[in-house]
Protein backbone atom coordinates (compact mmCIF):
# COMPACT_ATOMS: atom_id res chain seq x y z
CA MET A 1 92.34 131.00 91.37
CA THR A 2 91.78 130.53 95.08
CA THR A 3 90.99 127.39 97.02
CA ASN A 4 88.97 129.07 99.73
CA ALA A 5 86.49 131.26 97.88
CA SER A 6 82.95 131.00 99.17
CA HIS A 7 80.65 128.85 97.07
CA SER A 8 77.04 127.74 97.13
CA THR A 9 77.41 124.40 95.36
CA LEU A 10 79.00 121.19 96.56
CA PRO A 11 82.61 120.69 95.44
CA ILE A 12 83.32 117.81 93.08
CA ILE A 13 86.48 115.71 93.07
CA VAL A 14 88.07 115.21 89.64
CA VAL A 15 90.87 112.65 89.38
CA ARG A 16 93.01 110.94 86.81
CA HIS A 17 92.28 107.26 86.06
CA GLY A 18 94.33 104.34 87.40
CA GLU A 19 97.58 103.22 85.79
CA SER A 20 97.10 102.08 82.19
CA GLU A 21 99.20 99.84 79.98
CA TRP A 22 100.55 102.84 78.06
CA ASN A 23 101.24 104.73 81.31
CA MET A 24 103.52 101.86 82.22
CA LEU A 25 105.22 102.04 78.79
CA GLY A 26 105.61 105.82 78.91
CA LYS A 27 103.44 106.40 75.84
CA TRP A 28 101.16 109.36 75.20
CA GLN A 29 97.62 108.02 75.00
CA GLY A 30 95.28 110.77 73.87
CA ARG A 31 92.12 109.13 72.57
CA ALA A 32 93.66 105.63 72.31
CA ASP A 33 91.42 103.31 74.32
CA THR A 34 94.04 101.65 76.49
CA GLN A 35 93.36 99.25 79.34
CA LEU A 36 94.16 99.43 83.04
CA THR A 37 97.04 97.40 84.44
CA ASP A 38 96.53 95.21 87.50
CA ALA A 39 98.26 97.99 89.44
CA GLY A 40 95.70 100.45 88.07
CA ARG A 41 92.86 98.27 89.33
CA ARG A 42 94.49 98.06 92.75
CA GLN A 43 94.83 101.85 92.78
CA ALA A 44 91.11 102.18 92.05
CA ARG A 45 90.25 99.87 94.94
CA GLU A 46 92.60 101.80 97.21
CA ALA A 47 90.94 105.06 96.12
CA ALA A 48 87.55 103.71 97.19
CA HIS A 49 88.97 102.67 100.57
CA THR A 50 90.56 106.12 100.98
CA ILE A 51 87.28 107.87 100.23
CA ALA A 52 85.47 105.69 102.77
CA ALA A 53 88.20 106.05 105.40
CA LEU A 54 88.14 109.84 105.11
CA GLY A 55 84.37 109.89 105.51
CA ILE A 56 83.87 111.52 102.10
CA VAL A 57 80.30 110.93 100.94
CA ILE A 58 79.91 110.28 97.21
CA ASP A 59 76.44 110.16 95.66
CA ARG A 60 77.50 109.48 92.09
CA VAL A 61 80.60 108.60 90.08
CA VAL A 62 81.07 110.04 86.59
CA ALA A 63 83.70 109.08 84.03
CA SER A 64 85.16 109.66 80.60
CA SER A 65 84.08 107.03 78.09
CA LEU A 66 87.65 105.78 77.59
CA THR A 67 88.12 102.37 79.20
CA ARG A 68 90.97 103.36 81.52
CA ALA A 69 88.69 105.98 83.10
CA SER A 70 85.38 104.10 82.96
CA GLU A 71 86.85 100.93 84.49
CA THR A 72 88.52 102.97 87.25
CA ALA A 73 85.16 104.61 87.94
CA ASP A 74 83.31 101.30 87.89
CA ILE A 75 85.68 99.75 90.45
CA ILE A 76 85.33 102.74 92.77
CA ALA A 77 81.55 102.94 92.36
CA ARG A 78 81.10 99.23 93.12
CA HIS A 79 83.23 99.45 96.25
CA LEU A 80 81.31 102.52 97.43
CA GLY A 81 77.95 100.98 96.55
CA VAL A 82 76.71 103.94 94.51
CA GLY A 83 75.61 102.20 91.31
CA SER A 84 77.09 102.26 87.83
CA PRO A 85 79.09 105.32 86.77
CA HIS A 86 77.56 107.89 84.48
CA ILE A 87 79.61 108.28 81.26
CA ASP A 88 80.22 111.75 79.84
CA GLU A 89 82.02 112.02 76.49
CA ARG A 90 83.03 115.61 77.25
CA LEU A 91 85.52 114.31 79.83
CA VAL A 92 87.66 112.28 77.38
CA GLU A 93 91.38 112.93 77.12
CA THR A 94 92.85 115.57 74.84
CA ASP A 95 93.27 114.41 71.24
CA VAL A 96 97.06 114.52 70.91
CA GLY A 97 97.09 113.96 67.16
CA PRO A 98 100.35 112.50 65.78
CA TRP A 99 101.83 112.13 69.28
CA GLU A 100 99.42 109.32 70.17
CA GLY A 101 101.40 106.18 71.04
CA LEU A 102 104.75 107.96 71.19
CA CYS A 103 107.18 108.22 74.11
CA GLU A 104 108.64 111.60 75.04
CA GLN A 105 111.98 110.70 73.42
CA GLU A 106 110.18 109.99 70.12
CA ILE A 107 108.27 113.25 70.36
CA GLU A 108 111.52 115.12 70.98
CA ALA A 109 113.14 113.42 67.98
CA GLY A 110 110.28 114.31 65.65
CA TRP A 111 109.41 117.72 67.10
CA PRO A 112 112.55 119.12 68.75
CA ASN A 113 111.91 121.37 71.76
CA TYR A 114 108.12 121.28 71.32
CA LEU A 115 107.60 119.84 74.81
CA ARG A 116 110.07 122.27 76.36
CA ASP A 117 108.35 125.22 74.68
CA ARG A 118 104.84 123.84 75.23
CA ARG A 119 104.13 123.77 71.51
CA THR A 120 101.81 121.27 69.84
CA PRO A 121 101.74 119.65 66.38
CA PRO A 122 98.94 119.92 63.81
CA ASN A 123 95.75 118.04 64.77
CA PHE A 124 96.50 118.34 68.51
CA GLU A 125 93.25 119.47 70.20
CA PRO A 126 93.63 123.15 71.18
CA PRO A 127 93.58 123.95 74.92
CA HIS A 128 90.57 126.28 74.60
CA GLU A 129 88.52 123.46 73.06
CA VAL A 130 89.48 121.01 75.82
CA PHE A 131 88.69 123.67 78.41
CA ALA A 132 85.31 124.51 76.86
CA ARG A 133 83.97 120.96 76.65
CA ALA A 134 85.34 119.74 79.97
CA THR A 135 84.35 122.79 82.05
CA THR A 136 80.86 122.74 80.55
CA ALA A 137 80.55 119.15 81.77
CA LEU A 138 81.92 119.99 85.22
CA CYS A 139 79.61 122.99 85.59
CA ASP A 140 76.61 120.82 84.69
CA LEU A 141 77.70 118.23 87.27
CA ALA A 142 78.39 120.84 89.95
CA ARG A 143 74.86 122.21 89.58
CA SER A 144 73.30 118.78 90.18
CA GLY A 145 73.40 119.10 93.96
CA GLU A 146 75.05 115.68 94.26
CA ARG A 147 78.39 114.89 95.87
CA MET A 148 80.39 113.62 92.97
CA LEU A 149 83.62 111.90 92.01
CA VAL A 150 84.71 112.38 88.39
CA VAL A 151 87.31 110.14 86.74
CA SER A 152 88.95 111.85 83.78
CA HIS A 153 92.50 112.34 82.48
CA SER A 154 95.65 114.26 83.36
CA GLY A 155 95.65 116.27 80.12
CA VAL A 156 92.10 117.44 80.79
CA ILE A 157 92.64 118.36 84.44
CA ARG A 158 95.94 120.11 83.76
CA THR A 159 94.59 122.04 80.76
CA ILE A 160 91.67 123.32 82.82
CA ARG A 161 93.99 124.48 85.60
CA ARG A 162 96.39 126.16 83.16
CA VAL A 163 93.66 128.05 81.33
CA MET A 164 92.35 129.17 84.74
CA LYS A 165 95.91 130.20 85.64
CA ALA A 166 95.76 127.94 88.69
CA HIS A 167 98.88 126.12 89.86
CA ASP A 168 99.59 123.12 87.59
CA ARG A 169 101.84 120.13 88.06
CA ARG A 170 102.21 116.56 86.86
CA LEU A 171 99.57 114.23 88.26
CA HIS A 172 99.95 110.69 89.52
CA ASN A 173 97.24 108.15 88.76
CA LEU A 174 94.19 108.67 91.03
CA GLU A 175 95.35 112.22 91.72
CA GLY A 176 93.43 115.34 90.82
CA CYS A 177 91.75 118.24 92.53
CA PHE A 178 88.53 119.75 93.79
CA PHE A 179 86.40 122.02 91.61
CA HIS A 180 83.41 124.09 92.67
CA LEU A 181 81.20 126.87 91.40
CA SER A 182 81.59 130.29 92.95
CA ASP A 183 78.56 132.30 94.04
CA ALA A 184 78.80 133.98 90.64
CA GLY A 185 78.57 130.60 88.89
CA GLU A 186 82.22 130.51 87.82
CA LEU A 187 84.08 127.20 87.93
CA MET A 188 86.99 127.39 90.38
CA ALA A 189 89.95 125.03 90.82
CA GLY A 190 90.70 124.00 94.40
CA GLU A 191 93.20 121.92 96.30
CA PHE A 192 94.96 118.86 94.92
CA VAL A 193 93.84 115.45 96.17
CA LEU A 194 95.60 112.06 95.99
CA LEU A 195 93.47 108.95 96.50
CA SER A 196 96.13 106.27 95.99
CA THR A 197 99.52 106.29 97.70
CA SER A 198 100.67 103.35 95.57
CA SER A 199 100.65 105.37 92.34
CA ARG A 200 103.91 106.51 90.77
CA ALA A 201 105.00 109.24 88.40
CA VAL A 202 104.05 108.32 84.84
CA THR A 203 103.63 110.09 81.50
CA ASN A 204 101.17 113.01 81.48
CA ASP A 205 99.46 113.78 78.18
CA ALA A 206 99.87 117.52 78.58
CA VAL A 207 102.31 120.10 77.23
């Protein structure tokens, strides 16, 4: 994928939520509805200030229904004065099945070398399903004609980029990338963006 292909729709910014309680504990979250930490709330406020300072205009904020994403989005939307976030269930984190609530050491003990080999256990949501639901949502949003910020999850963003064969790496909280539709209507992954310099490396729910 290229970051400079011509496109006729406005790019949207898709970022990971602020730091959550399980991020801090190093636990895989999946669909667990964990809460933001105070640091996560500060990161969300910083993200809003960064957006304003850079002169980025946001018409609407959209979020996953999970609390760590929806609260992040609500904080940013309030600081930007753009109204309540729109919630889209298609943007929720990957269902990680039996790995939910486990640290990487526990996953390694129960499923040796799975993380190294990028293998997943039974009941782990397949990448193509994550890609299908999340990219359908992003395409719908990109066609709206609004300048949008989307708050989702690292597993979702990274899965999309991997399936697209775009460069993938671990994401900090309030980090993500641009997406846009090409002239042919294809969703394209663009440059990475970091909205909070106070975020730190934490667990990513992605293999």
